[in-house]
PDB file of N, CA and C in Angstrom:
ATOM      1  N   UNK A   1     -84.396-175.049-243.720  1.00  0.00           N
ATOM      2  CA  UNK A   1     -85.556-174.416-244.314  1.00  0.00           C
ATOM      3  C   UNK A   1     -85.138-173.097-244.957  1.00  0.00           C
ATOM      4  N   UNK A   2     -85.632-172.840-246.162  1.00  0.00           N
ATOM      5  CA  UNK A   2     -85.316-171.628-246.896  1.00  0.00           C
ATOM      6  C   UNK A   2     -86.148-170.465-246.366  1.00  0.00           C
ATOM      7  N   UNK A   3     -85.514-169.300-246.257  1.00  0.00           N
ATOM      8  CA  UNK A   3     -86.206-168.101-245.812  1.00  0.00           C
ATOM      9  C   UNK A   3     -86.768-167.370-247.013  1.00  0.00           C
ATOM     10  N   UNK A   4     -88.034-167.003-246.944  1.00  0.00           N
ATOM     11  CA  UNK A   4     -88.688-166.260-248.009  1.00  0.00           C
ATOM     12  C   UNK A   4     -88.137-164.840-248.040  1.00  0.00           C
ATOM     13  N   UNK A   5     -87.713-164.380-249.231  1.00  0.00           N
ATOM     14  CA  UNK A   5     -87.130-163.047-249.344  1.00  0.00           C
ATOM     15  C   UNK A   5     -87.826-162.141-250.351  1.00  0.00           C
ATOM     16  N   UNK A   6     -88.682-162.690-251.220  1.00  0.00           N
ATOM     17  CA  UNK A   6     -89.287-161.857-252.262  1.00  0.00           C
ATOM     18  C   UNK A   6     -90.587-162.464-252.777  1.00  0.00           C
ATOM     19  N   UNK A   7     -91.380-161.598-253.412  1.00  0.00           N
ATOM     20  CA  UNK A   7     -92.584-162.024-254.124  1.00  0.00           C
ATOM     21  C   UNK A   7     -92.319-161.774-255.607  1.00  0.00           C
ATOM     22  N   UNK A   8     -92.480-162.813-256.419  1.00  0.00           N
ATOM     23  CA  UNK A   8     -92.220-162.765-257.855  1.00  0.00           C
ATOM     24  C   UNK A   8     -93.523-162.565-258.639  1.00  0.00           C
ATOM     25  N   UNK A   9     -93.415-162.380-259.957  1.00  0.00           N
ATOM     26  CA  UNK A   9     -94.619-162.201-260.778  1.00  0.00           C
ATOM     27  C   UNK A   9     -95.539-163.422-260.707  1.00  0.00           C
ATOM     28  N   UNK A  10     -96.819-163.227-260.995  1.00  0.00           N
ATOM     29  CA  UNK A  10     -97.747-164.363-261.013  1.00  0.00           C
ATOM     30  C   UNK A  10     -97.283-165.419-262.021  1.00  0.00           C
ATOM     31  N   UNK A  11     -97.424-166.679-261.620  1.00  0.00           N
ATOM     32  CA  UNK A  11     -97.087-167.780-262.521  1.00  0.00           C
ATOM     33  C   UNK A  11     -95.606-168.079-262.627  1.00  0.00           C
ATOM     34  N   UNK A  12     -94.770-167.375-261.886  1.00  0.00           N
ATOM     35  CA  UNK A  12     -93.326-167.582-261.976  1.00  0.00           C
ATOM     36  C   UNK A  12     -92.981-168.995-261.506  1.00  0.00           C
ATOM     37  N   UNK A  13     -92.039-169.601-262.179  1.00  0.00           N
ATOM     38  CA  UNK A  13     -91.589-170.937-261.816  1.00  0.00           C
ATOM     39  C   UNK A  13     -90.074-171.013-261.755  1.00  0.00           C
ATOM     40  N   UNK A  14     -89.447-169.884-261.401  1.00  0.00           N
ATOM     41  CA  UNK A  14     -87.990-169.844-261.344  1.00  0.00           C
ATOM     42  C   UNK A  14     -87.465-170.744-260.220  1.00  0.00           C
ATOM     43  N   UNK A  15     -86.183-170.960-260.208  1.00  0.00           N
ATOM     44  CA  UNK A  15     -85.549-171.807-259.195  1.00  0.00           C
ATOM     45  C   UNK A  15     -85.846-171.307-257.789  1.00  0.00           C
ATOM     46  N   UNK A  16     -85.769-169.988-257.589  1.00  0.00           N
ATOM     47  CA  UNK A  16     -86.014-169.427-256.255  1.00  0.00           C
ATOM     48  C   UNK A  16     -87.445-169.664-255.792  1.00  0.00           C
ATOM     49  N   UNK A  17     -88.396-169.613-256.718  1.00  0.00           N
ATOM     50  CA  UNK A  17     -89.795-169.899-256.363  1.00  0.00           C
ATOM     51  C   UNK A  17     -89.956-171.381-256.013  1.00  0.00           C
ATOM     52  N   UNK A  18     -89.282-172.237-256.749  1.00  0.00           N
ATOM     53  CA  UNK A  18     -89.378-173.677-256.499  1.00  0.00           C
ATOM     54  C   UNK A  18     -88.752-174.045-255.150  1.00  0.00           C
ATOM     55  N   UNK A  19     -87.628-173.398-254.817  1.00  0.00           N
ATOM     56  CA  UNK A  19     -86.941-173.725-253.557  1.00  0.00           C
ATOM     57  C   UNK A  19     -87.536-173.009-252.352  1.00  0.00           C
ATOM     58  N   UNK A  20     -88.438-172.050-252.582  1.00  0.00           N
ATOM     59  CA  UNK A  20     -89.090-171.359-251.476  1.00  0.00           C
ATOM     60  C   UNK A  20     -88.415-170.075-251.032  1.00  0.00           C
ATOM     61  N   UNK A  21     -87.412-169.612-251.779  1.00  0.00           N
ATOM     62  CA  UNK A  21     -86.785-168.333-251.455  1.00  0.00           C
ATOM     63  C   UNK A  21     -87.693-167.187-251.891  1.00  0.00           C
ATOM     64  N   UNK A  22     -88.404-167.367-252.996  1.00  0.00           N
ATOM     65  CA  UNK A  22     -89.393-166.418-253.498  1.00  0.00           C
ATOM     66  C   UNK A  22     -90.742-167.135-253.549  1.00  0.00           C
ATOM     67  N   UNK A  23     -91.819-166.345-253.654  1.00  0.00           N
ATOM     68  CA  UNK A  23     -93.147-166.918-253.854  1.00  0.00           C
ATOM     69  C   UNK A  23     -93.798-166.180-255.021  1.00  0.00           C
ATOM     70  N   UNK A  24     -94.388-166.907-255.978  1.00  0.00           N
ATOM     71  CA  UNK A  24     -95.120-166.229-257.051  1.00  0.00           C
ATOM     72  C   UNK A  24     -96.338-165.503-256.457  1.00  0.00           C
ATOM     73  N   UNK A  25     -96.666-164.368-257.003  1.00  0.00           N
ATOM     74  CA  UNK A  25     -97.777-163.554-256.483  1.00  0.00           C
ATOM     75  C   UNK A  25     -99.066-164.358-256.382  1.00  0.00           C
ATOM     76  N   UNK A  26     -99.330-165.218-257.347  1.00  0.00           N
ATOM     77  CA  UNK A  26    -100.577-165.986-257.328  1.00  0.00           C
ATOM     78  C   UNK A  26    -100.580-167.101-256.280  1.00  0.00           C
ATOM     79  N   UNK A  27     -99.463-167.290-255.569  1.00  0.00           N
ATOM     80  CA  UNK A  27     -99.397-168.251-254.461  1.00  0.00           C
ATOM     81  C   UNK A  27     -99.147-167.554-253.123  1.00  0.00           C
ATOM     82  N   UNK A  28     -99.089-166.236-253.145  1.00  0.00           N
ATOM     83  CA  UNK A  28     -98.808-165.474-251.925  1.00  0.00           C
ATOM     84  C   UNK A  28     -99.996-165.524-250.964  1.00  0.00           C
ATOM     85  N   UNK A  29     -99.682-165.592-249.679  1.00  0.00           N
ATOM     86  CA  UNK A  29    -100.695-165.567-248.626  1.00  0.00           C
ATOM     87  C   UNK A  29    -100.908-164.121-248.176  1.00  0.00           C
ATOM     88  N   UNK A  30    -101.980-163.855-247.431  1.00  0.00           N
ATOM     89  CA  UNK A  30    -102.143-162.503-246.880  1.00  0.00           C
ATOM     90  C   UNK A  30    -100.934-162.067-246.042  1.00  0.00           C
ATOM     91  N   UNK A  31    -100.306-162.989-245.309  1.00  0.00           N
ATOM     92  CA  UNK A  31     -99.098-162.646-244.527  1.00  0.00           C
ATOM     93  C   UNK A  31     -97.952-162.261-245.456  1.00  0.00           C
ATOM     94  N   UNK A  32     -97.810-162.962-246.598  1.00  0.00           N
ATOM     95  CA  UNK A  32     -96.780-162.601-247.575  1.00  0.00           C
ATOM     96  C   UNK A  32     -97.028-161.205-248.118  1.00  0.00           C
ATOM     97  N   UNK A  33     -98.291-160.895-248.413  1.00  0.00           N
ATOM     98  CA  UNK A  33     -98.641-159.580-248.954  1.00  0.00           C
ATOM     99  C   UNK A  33     -98.368-158.493-247.911  1.00  0.00           C
ATOM    100  N   UNK A  34     -98.684-158.766-246.650  1.00  0.00           N
ATOM    101  CA  UNK A  34     -98.390-157.813-245.580  1.00  0.00           C
ATOM    102  C   UNK A  34     -96.894-157.536-245.528  1.00  0.00           C
ATOM    103  N   UNK A  35     -96.083-158.594-245.559  1.00  0.00           N
ATOM    104  CA  UNK A  35     -94.624-158.431-245.513  1.00  0.00           C
ATOM    105  C   UNK A  35     -94.113-157.671-246.736  1.00  0.00           C
ATOM    106  N   UNK A  36     -94.700-157.928-247.894  1.00  0.00           N
ATOM    107  CA  UNK A  36     -94.329-157.208-249.113  1.00  0.00           C
ATOM    108  C   UNK A  36     -94.623-155.720-248.963  1.00  0.00           C
ATOM    109  N   UNK A  37     -95.826-155.385-248.507  1.00  0.00           N
ATOM    110  CA  UNK A  37     -96.232-153.983-248.382  1.00  0.00           C
ATOM    111  C   UNK A  37     -95.450-153.251-247.302  1.00  0.00           C
ATOM    112  N   UNK A  38     -95.013-153.968-246.278  1.00  0.00           N
ATOM    113  CA  UNK A  38     -94.225-153.356-245.204  1.00  0.00           C
ATOM    114  C   UNK A  38     -92.732-153.307-245.535  1.00  0.00           C
ATOM    115  N   UNK A  39     -92.337-153.826-246.703  1.00  0.00           N
ATOM    116  CA  UNK A  39     -90.940-153.778-247.108  1.00  0.00           C
ATOM    117  C   UNK A  39     -90.081-154.891-246.538  1.00  0.00           C
ATOM    118  N   UNK A  40     -90.699-155.901-245.936  1.00  0.00           N
ATOM    119  CA  UNK A  40     -89.943-157.030-245.383  1.00  0.00           C
ATOM    120  C   UNK A  40     -89.617-158.070-246.449  1.00  0.00           C
ATOM    121  N   UNK A  41     -90.358-158.055-247.556  1.00  0.00           N
ATOM    122  CA  UNK A  41     -90.071-158.906-248.713  1.00  0.00           C
ATOM    123  C   UNK A  41     -89.849-157.991-249.913  1.00  0.00           C
ATOM    124  N   UNK A  42     -88.900-158.358-250.761  1.00  0.00           N
ATOM    125  CA  UNK A  42     -88.654-157.583-251.980  1.00  0.00           C
ATOM    126  C   UNK A  42     -89.806-157.780-252.957  1.00  0.00           C
ATOM    127  N   UNK A  43     -90.103-156.725-253.693  1.00  0.00           N
ATOM    128  CA  UNK A  43     -91.196-156.740-254.653  1.00  0.00           C
ATOM    129  C   UNK A  43     -90.636-156.947-256.054  1.00  0.00           C
ATOM    130  N   UNK A  44     -90.700-158.176-256.538  1.00  0.00           N
ATOM    131  CA  UNK A  44     -90.266-158.518-257.889  1.00  0.00           C
ATOM    132  C   UNK A  44     -91.468-158.716-258.808  1.00  0.00           C
ATOM    133  N   UNK A  45     -92.653-158.332-258.367  1.00  0.00           N
ATOM    134  CA  UNK A  45     -93.883-158.677-259.086  1.00  0.00           C
ATOM    135  C   UNK A  45     -94.002-158.007-260.441  1.00  0.00           C
ATOM    136  N   UNK A  46     -93.534-156.783-260.564  1.00  0.00           N
ATOM    137  CA  UNK A  46     -93.682-156.059-261.817  1.00  0.00           C
ATOM    138  C   UNK A  46     -95.113-155.643-262.101  1.00  0.00           C
ATOM    139  N   UNK A  47     -95.975-155.690-261.094  1.00  0.00           N
ATOM    140  CA  UNK A  47     -97.380-155.336-261.297  1.00  0.00           C
ATOM    141  C   UNK A  47     -97.795-154.236-260.312  1.00  0.00           C
ATOM    142  N   UNK A  48     -98.919-153.630-260.601  1.00  0.00           N
ATOM    143  CA  UNK A  48     -99.494-152.610-259.725  1.00  0.00           C
ATOM    144  C   UNK A  48    -100.588-153.254-258.880  1.00  0.00           C
ATOM    145  N   UNK A  49    -100.430-153.163-257.578  1.00  0.00           N
ATOM    146  CA  UNK A  49    -101.444-153.676-256.657  1.00  0.00           C
ATOM    147  C   UNK A  49    -102.382-152.548-256.277  1.00  0.00           C
ATOM    148  N   UNK A  50    -103.649-152.838-256.159  1.00  0.00           N
ATOM    149  CA  UNK A  50    -104.644-151.862-255.719  1.00  0.00           C
ATOM    150  C   UNK A  50    -104.981-152.176-254.269  1.00  0.00           C
ATOM    151  N   UNK A  51    -104.884-151.151-253.412  1.00  0.00           N
ATOM    152  CA  UNK A  51    -105.115-151.318-251.983  1.00  0.00           C
ATOM    153  C   UNK A  51    -106.321-150.488-251.570  1.00  0.00           C
ATOM    154  N   UNK A  52    -107.287-151.138-250.926  1.00  0.00           N
ATOM    155  CA  UNK A  52    -108.465-150.457-250.408  1.00  0.00           C
ATOM    156  C   UNK A  52    -108.472-150.613-248.893  1.00  0.00           C
ATOM    157  N   UNK A  53    -108.543-149.480-248.192  1.00  0.00           N
ATOM    158  CA  UNK A  53    -108.547-149.491-246.729  1.00  0.00           C
ATOM    159  C   UNK A  53    -109.882-148.945-246.246  1.00  0.00           C
ATOM    160  N   UNK A  54    -110.478-149.627-245.280  1.00  0.00           N
ATOM    161  CA  UNK A  54    -111.712-149.146-244.649  1.00  0.00           C
ATOM    162  C   UNK A  54    -111.354-148.768-243.216  1.00  0.00           C
ATOM    163  N   UNK A  55    -111.646-147.525-242.876  1.00  0.00           N
ATOM    164  CA  UNK A  55    -111.411-147.037-241.519  1.00  0.00           C
ATOM    165  C   UNK A  55    -112.730-146.976-240.771  1.00  0.00           C
ATOM    166  N   UNK A  56    -112.696-147.242-239.482  1.00  0.00           N
ATOM    167  CA  UNK A  56    -113.876-147.123-238.626  1.00  0.00           C
ATOM    168  C   UNK A  56    -113.675-145.895-237.737  1.00  0.00           C
ATOM    169  N   UNK A  57    -114.676-145.058-237.694  1.00  0.00           N
ATOM    170  CA  UNK A  57    -114.620-143.852-236.886  1.00  0.00           C
ATOM    171  C   UNK A  57    -115.794-143.869-235.918  1.00  0.00           C
ATOM    172  N   UNK A  58    -115.481-143.911-234.653  1.00  0.00           N
ATOM    173  CA  UNK A  58    -116.530-143.936-233.642  1.00  0.00           C
ATOM    174  C   UNK A  58    -117.173-142.561-233.511  1.00  0.00           C
ATOM    175  N   UNK A  59    -118.400-142.560-233.009  1.00  0.00           N
ATOM    176  CA  UNK A  59    -119.121-141.304-232.812  1.00  0.00           C
ATOM    177  C   UNK A  59    -118.346-140.397-231.864  1.00  0.00           C
ATOM    178  N   UNK A  60    -118.493-139.123-232.059  1.00  0.00           N
ATOM    179  CA  UNK A  60    -117.880-138.091-231.206  1.00  0.00           C
ATOM    180  C   UNK A  60    -116.356-138.135-231.222  1.00  0.00           C
ATOM    181  N   UNK A  61    -115.747-138.584-232.340  1.00  0.00           N
ATOM    182  CA  UNK A  61    -114.293-138.550-232.466  1.00  0.00           C
ATOM    183  C   UNK A  61    -113.928-137.902-233.789  1.00  0.00           C
ATOM    184  N   UNK A  62    -112.650-137.596-233.955  1.00  0.00           N
ATOM    185  CA  UNK A  62    -112.187-136.990-235.202  1.00  0.00           C
ATOM    186  C   UNK A  62    -111.477-138.043-236.048  1.00  0.00           C
ATOM    187  N   UNK A  63    -111.107-137.651-237.254  1.00  0.00           N
ATOM    188  CA  UNK A  63    -110.466-138.587-238.187  1.00  0.00           C
ATOM    189  C   UNK A  63    -109.167-139.156-237.622  1.00  0.00           C
ATOM    190  N   UNK A  64    -108.490-138.393-236.763  1.00  0.00           N
ATOM    191  CA  UNK A  64    -107.253-138.879-236.167  1.00  0.00           C
ATOM    192  C   UNK A  64    -107.456-140.095-235.277  1.00  0.00           C
ATOM    193  N   UNK A  65    -108.683-140.330-234.850  1.00  0.00           N
ATOM    194  CA  UNK A  65    -108.977-141.478-233.987  1.00  0.00           C
ATOM    195  C   UNK A  65    -109.510-142.671-234.772  1.00  0.00           C
ATOM    196  N   UNK A  66    -109.570-142.550-236.090  1.00  0.00           N
ATOM    197  CA  UNK A  66    -110.085-143.647-236.913  1.00  0.00           C
ATOM    198  C   UNK A  66    -109.165-144.856-236.829  1.00  0.00           C
ATOM    199  N   UNK A  67    -109.759-146.033-236.815  1.00  0.00           N
ATOM    200  CA  UNK A  67    -109.014-147.285-236.756  1.00  0.00           C
ATOM    201  C   UNK A  67    -109.189-148.049-238.059  1.00  0.00           C
ATOM    202  N   UNK A  68    -108.116-148.707-238.493  1.00  0.00           N
ATOM    203  CA  UNK A  68    -108.208-149.521-239.696  1.00  0.00           C
ATOM    204  C   UNK A  68    -109.103-150.714-239.397  1.00  0.00           C
ATOM    205  N   UNK A  69    -110.163-150.840-240.151  1.00  0.00           N
ATOM    206  CA  UNK A  69    -111.109-151.937-239.963  1.00  0.00           C
ATOM    207  C   UNK A  69    -110.782-153.109-240.879  1.00  0.00           C
ATOM    208  N   UNK A  70    -110.404-152.792-242.123  1.00  0.00           N
ATOM    209  CA  UNK A  70    -110.066-153.855-243.068  1.00  0.00           C
ATOM    210  C   UNK A  70    -109.206-153.300-244.197  1.00  0.00           C
ATOM    211  N   UNK A  71    -108.496-154.213-244.856  1.00  0.00           N
ATOM    212  CA  UNK A  71    -107.693-153.840-246.015  1.00  0.00           C
ATOM    213  C   UNK A  71    -107.800-154.954-247.037  1.00  0.00           C
ATOM    214  N   UNK A  72    -108.036-154.540-248.272  1.00  0.00           N
ATOM    215  CA  UNK A  72    -108.164-155.475-249.390  1.00  0.00           C
ATOM    216  C   UNK A  72    -107.082-155.110-250.404  1.00  0.00           C
ATOM    217  N   UNK A  73    -106.312-156.095-250.831  1.00  0.00           N
ATOM    218  CA  UNK A  73    -105.255-155.883-251.818  1.00  0.00           C
ATOM    219  C   UNK A  73    -105.638-156.710-253.040  1.00  0.00           C
ATOM    220  N   UNK A  74    -105.585-156.073-254.227  1.00  0.00           N
ATOM    221  CA  UNK A  74    -106.036-156.744-255.449  1.00  0.00           C
ATOM    222  C   UNK A  74    -105.027-156.598-256.576  1.00  0.00           C
ATOM    223  N   UNK A  75    -104.969-157.621-257.396  1.00  0.00           N
ATOM    224  CA  UNK A  75    -104.298-157.573-258.695  1.00  0.00           C
ATOM    225  C   UNK A  75    -105.098-158.481-259.615  1.00  0.00           C
ATOM    226  N   UNK A  76    -105.684-157.886-260.631  1.00  0.00           N
ATOM    227  CA  UNK A  76    -106.554-158.616-261.560  1.00  0.00           C
ATOM    228  C   UNK A  76    -107.554-159.453-260.774  1.00  0.00           C
ATOM    229  N   UNK A  77    -107.541-160.774-260.931  1.00  0.00           N
ATOM    230  CA  UNK A  77    -108.527-161.601-260.227  1.00  0.00           C
ATOM    231  C   UNK A  77    -108.011-162.142-258.890  1.00  0.00           C
ATOM    232  N   UNK A  78    -106.824-161.695-258.464  1.00  0.00           N
ATOM    233  CA  UNK A  78    -106.268-162.103-257.172  1.00  0.00           C
ATOM    234  C   UNK A  78    -106.676-161.098-256.108  1.00  0.00           C
ATOM    235  N   UNK A  79    -107.119-161.598-254.954  1.00  0.00           N
ATOM    236  CA  UNK A  79    -107.567-160.723-253.859  1.00  0.00           C
ATOM    237  C   UNK A  79    -107.053-161.284-252.537  1.00  0.00           C
ATOM    238  N   UNK A  80    -106.514-160.397-251.706  1.00  0.00           N
ATOM    239  CA  UNK A  80    -106.080-160.766-250.363  1.00  0.00           C
ATOM    240  C   UNK A  80    -106.772-159.844-249.371  1.00  0.00           C
ATOM    241  N   UNK A  81    -107.337-160.407-248.320  1.00  0.00           N
ATOM    242  CA  UNK A  81    -107.938-159.638-247.233  1.00  0.00           C
ATOM    243  C   UNK A  81    -106.979-159.736-246.052  1.00  0.00           C
ATOM    244  N   UNK A  82    -106.425-158.598-245.643  1.00  0.00           N
ATOM    245  CA  UNK A  82    -105.458-158.606-244.544  1.00  0.00           C
ATOM    246  C   UNK A  82    -106.172-158.551-243.206  1.00  0.00           C
ATOM    247  N   UNK A  83    -105.590-159.219-242.228  1.00  0.00           N
ATOM    248  CA  UNK A  83    -106.121-159.162-240.861  1.00  0.00           C
ATOM    249  C   UNK A  83    -106.057-157.715-240.378  1.00  0.00           C
ATOM    250  N   UNK A  84    -107.013-157.281-239.545  1.00  0.00           N
ATOM    251  CA  UNK A  84    -107.008-155.887-239.089  1.00  0.00           C
ATOM    252  C   UNK A  84    -105.681-155.440-238.483  1.00  0.00           C
ATOM    253  N   UNK A  85    -105.028-156.271-237.683  1.00  0.00           N
ATOM    254  CA  UNK A  85    -103.748-155.859-237.089  1.00  0.00           C
ATOM    255  C   UNK A  85    -102.672-155.710-238.164  1.00  0.00           C
ATOM    256  N   UNK A  86    -102.672-156.590-239.161  1.00  0.00           N
ATOM    257  CA  UNK A  86    -101.716-156.479-240.260  1.00  0.00           C
ATOM    258  C   UNK A  86    -102.041-155.267-241.130  1.00  0.00           C
ATOM    259  N   UNK A  87    -103.319-155.047-241.379  1.00  0.00           N
ATOM    260  CA  UNK A  87    -103.742-153.904-242.185  1.00  0.00           C
ATOM    261  C   UNK A  87    -103.315-152.602-241.522  1.00  0.00           C
ATOM    262  N   UNK A  88    -103.418-152.538-240.206  1.00  0.00           N
ATOM    263  CA  UNK A  88    -103.028-151.325-239.488  1.00  0.00           C
ATOM    264  C   UNK A  88    -101.539-151.060-239.664  1.00  0.00           C
ATOM    265  N   UNK A  89    -100.706-152.107-239.604  1.00  0.00           N
ATOM    266  CA  UNK A  89     -99.267-151.904-239.774  1.00  0.00           C
ATOM    267  C   UNK A  89     -98.947-151.412-241.180  1.00  0.00           C
ATOM    268  N   UNK A  90     -99.642-151.929-242.186  1.00  0.00           N
ATOM    269  CA  UNK A  90     -99.432-151.484-243.566  1.00  0.00           C
ATOM    270  C   UNK A  90     -99.879-150.035-243.711  1.00  0.00           C
ATOM    271  N   UNK A  91    -101.024-149.678-243.129  1.00  0.00           N
ATOM    272  CA  UNK A  91    -101.520-148.302-243.220  1.00  0.00           C
ATOM    273  C   UNK A  91    -100.523-147.332-242.594  1.00  0.00           C
ATOM    274  N   UNK A  92     -99.923-147.705-241.469  1.00  0.00           N
ATOM    275  CA  UNK A  92     -98.912-146.858-240.824  1.00  0.00           C
ATOM    276  C   UNK A  92     -97.705-146.700-241.747  1.00  0.00           C
ATOM    277  N   UNK A  93     -97.265-147.784-242.373  1.00  0.00           N
ATOM    278  CA  UNK A  93     -96.131-147.718-243.300  1.00  0.00           C
ATOM    279  C   UNK A  93     -96.426-146.751-244.440  1.00  0.00           C
ATOM    280  N   UNK A  94     -97.622-146.826-245.015  1.00  0.00           N
ATOM    281  CA  UNK A  94     -98.002-145.949-246.123  1.00  0.00           C
ATOM    282  C   UNK A  94     -98.034-144.491-245.657  1.00  0.00           C
ATOM    283  N   UNK A  95     -98.613-144.235-244.490  1.00  0.00           N
ATOM    284  CA  UNK A  95     -98.683-142.872-243.980  1.00  0.00           C
ATOM    285  C   UNK A  95     -97.300-142.312-243.662  1.00  0.00           C
ATOM    286  N   UNK A  96     -96.423-143.136-243.095  1.00  0.00           N
ATOM    287  CA  UNK A  96     -95.061-142.692-242.805  1.00  0.00           C
ATOM    288  C   UNK A  96     -94.324-142.352-244.098  1.00  0.00           C
ATOM    289  N   UNK A  97     -94.531-143.153-245.126  1.00  0.00           N
ATOM    290  CA  UNK A  97     -93.895-142.893-246.413  1.00  0.00           C
ATOM    291  C   UNK A  97     -94.372-141.564-246.989  1.00  0.00           C
ATOM    292  N   UNK A  98     -95.670-141.311-246.920  1.00  0.00           N
ATOM    293  CA  UNK A  98     -96.203-140.044-247.415  1.00  0.00           C
ATOM    294  C   UNK A  98     -95.643-138.878-246.609  1.00  0.00           C
ATOM    295  N   UNK A  99     -95.552-139.045-245.294  1.00  0.00           N
ATOM    296  CA  UNK A  99     -95.013-137.987-244.445  1.00  0.00           C
ATOM    297  C   UNK A  99     -93.549-137.711-244.789  1.00  0.00           C
ATOM    298  N   UNK A 100     -92.764-138.756-245.023  1.00  0.00           N
ATOM    299  CA  UNK A 100     -91.365-138.582-245.404  1.00  0.00           C
ATOM    300  C   UNK A 100     -91.241-137.841-246.725  1.00  0.00           C
ATOM    301  N   UNK A 101     -92.101-138.161-247.679  1.00  0.00           N
ATOM    302  CA  UNK A 101     -92.098-137.462-248.960  1.00  0.00           C
ATOM    303  C   UNK A 101     -92.418-135.990-248.756  1.00  0.00           C
ATOM    304  N   UNK A 102     -93.421-135.711-247.942  1.00  0.00           N
ATOM    305  CA  UNK A 102     -93.839-134.330-247.738  1.00  0.00           C
ATOM    306  C   UNK A 102     -92.803-133.520-246.974  1.00  0.00           C
ATOM    307  N   UNK A 103     -92.158-134.124-245.977  1.00  0.00           N
ATOM    308  CA  UNK A 103     -91.174-133.382-245.183  1.00  0.00           C
ATOM    309  C   UNK A 103     -89.936-133.047-246.007  1.00  0.00           C
ATOM    310  N   UNK A 104     -89.691-133.808-247.061  1.00  0.00           N
ATOM    311  CA  UNK A 104     -88.531-133.554-247.912  1.00  0.00           C
ATOM    312  C   UNK A 104     -88.816-132.500-248.976  1.00  0.00           C
ATOM    313  N   UNK A 105     -90.066-132.133-249.157  1.00  0.00           N
ATOM    314  CA  UNK A 105     -90.420-131.199-250.221  1.00  0.00           C
ATOM    315  C   UNK A 105     -91.340-130.105-249.733  1.00  0.00           C
ATOM    316  N   UNK A 106     -91.965-129.437-250.665  1.00  0.00           N
ATOM    317  CA  UNK A 106     -92.867-128.343-250.345  1.00  0.00           C
ATOM    318  C   UNK A 106     -94.315-128.733-250.533  1.00  0.00           C
ATOM    319  N   UNK A 107     -95.225-127.768-250.368  1.00  0.00           N
ATOM    320  CA  UNK A 107     -96.663-128.049-250.481  1.00  0.00           C
ATOM    321  C   UNK A 107     -97.080-128.652-251.820  1.00  0.00           C
ATOM    322  N   UNK A 108     -96.344-128.319-252.892  1.00  0.00           N
ATOM    323  CA  UNK A 108     -96.696-128.856-254.204  1.00  0.00           C
ATOM    324  C   UNK A 108     -96.450-130.356-254.296  1.00  0.00           C
ATOM    325  N   UNK A 109     -95.725-130.897-253.317  1.00  0.00           N
ATOM    326  CA  UNK A 109     -95.403-132.317-253.359  1.00  0.00           C
ATOM    327  C   UNK A 109     -96.490-133.201-252.764  1.00  0.00           C
ATOM    328  N   UNK A 110     -97.575-132.613-252.261  1.00  0.00           N
ATOM    329  CA  UNK A 110     -98.658-133.413-251.684  1.00  0.00           C
ATOM    330  C   UNK A 110     -99.217-134.383-252.719  1.00  0.00           C
ATOM    331  N   UNK A 111     -99.535-133.886-253.900  1.00  0.00           N
ATOM    332  CA  UNK A 111    -100.113-134.773-254.915  1.00  0.00           C
ATOM    333  C   UNK A 111     -99.097-135.811-255.370  1.00  0.00           C
ATOM    334  N   UNK A 112     -97.821-135.459-255.412  1.00  0.00           N
ATOM    335  CA  UNK A 112     -96.794-136.433-255.792  1.00  0.00           C
ATOM    336  C   UNK A 112     -96.692-137.541-254.742  1.00  0.00           C
ATOM    337  N   UNK A 113     -96.765-137.169-253.468  1.00  0.00           N
ATOM    338  CA  UNK A 113     -96.690-138.169-252.398  1.00  0.00           C
ATOM    339  C   UNK A 113     -97.878-139.106-252.470  1.00  0.00           C
ATOM    340  N   UNK A 114     -99.052-138.575-252.777  1.00  0.00           N
ATOM    341  CA  UNK A 114    -100.248-139.401-252.878  1.00  0.00           C
ATOM    342  C   UNK A 114    -100.116-140.420-254.002  1.00  0.00           C
ATOM    343  N   UNK A 115     -99.324-140.084-255.025  1.00  0.00           N
ATOM    344  CA  UNK A 115     -99.109-141.001-256.137  1.00  0.00           C
ATOM    345  C   UNK A 115     -97.891-141.883-255.920  1.00  0.00           C
ATOM    346  N   UNK A 116     -97.235-141.730-254.753  1.00  0.00           N
ATOM    347  CA  UNK A 116     -96.055-142.526-254.461  1.00  0.00           C
ATOM    348  C   UNK A 116     -94.807-142.053-255.162  1.00  0.00           C
ATOM    349  N   UNK A 117     -94.814-140.790-255.612  1.00  0.00           N
ATOM    350  CA  UNK A 117     -93.662-140.233-256.309  1.00  0.00           C
ATOM    351  C   UNK A 117     -92.804-139.422-255.346  1.00  0.00           C
ATOM    352  N   UNK A 118     -91.501-139.317-255.607  1.00  0.00           N
ATOM    353  CA  UNK A 118     -90.653-138.509-254.737  1.00  0.00           C
ATOM    354  C   UNK A 118     -90.950-137.026-254.920  1.00  0.00           C
ATOM    355  N   UNK A 119     -90.538-136.210-253.958  1.00  0.00           N
ATOM    356  CA  UNK A 119     -90.752-134.761-254.087  1.00  0.00           C
ATOM    357  C   UNK A 119     -90.073-134.233-255.336  1.00  0.00           C
ATOM    358  N   UNK A 120     -90.605-133.156-255.881  1.00  0.00           N
ATOM    359  CA  UNK A 120     -90.015-132.569-257.088  1.00  0.00           C
ATOM    360  C   UNK A 120     -88.753-131.795-256.763  1.00  0.00           C
TER     361      UNK A 120
END
């Protein structure tokens, strides 16, 4: 059995997609998208994904206690809804990445980190 290693552009029909080494974005499952966002699959898509996260905050708690309730990943007319446990792992990955960007730079790098850019 071939191990999946990457997500390719939508509609791709390359040899790797046919043999199952890659998956075209339009055939990706929510688990594939989770692995892509967590860096477990290479991103060959060439597209910008939009990620929406909904956090749940219980009464009498602060934002630090908020839990990921849901995550929606979109590209054009493609939509994936990640399971809450998978969404939480992706949210942690994104926050760790932002923290790494900020620790490497100064206060002016906050907006760059939010855009996914390296520190100046």
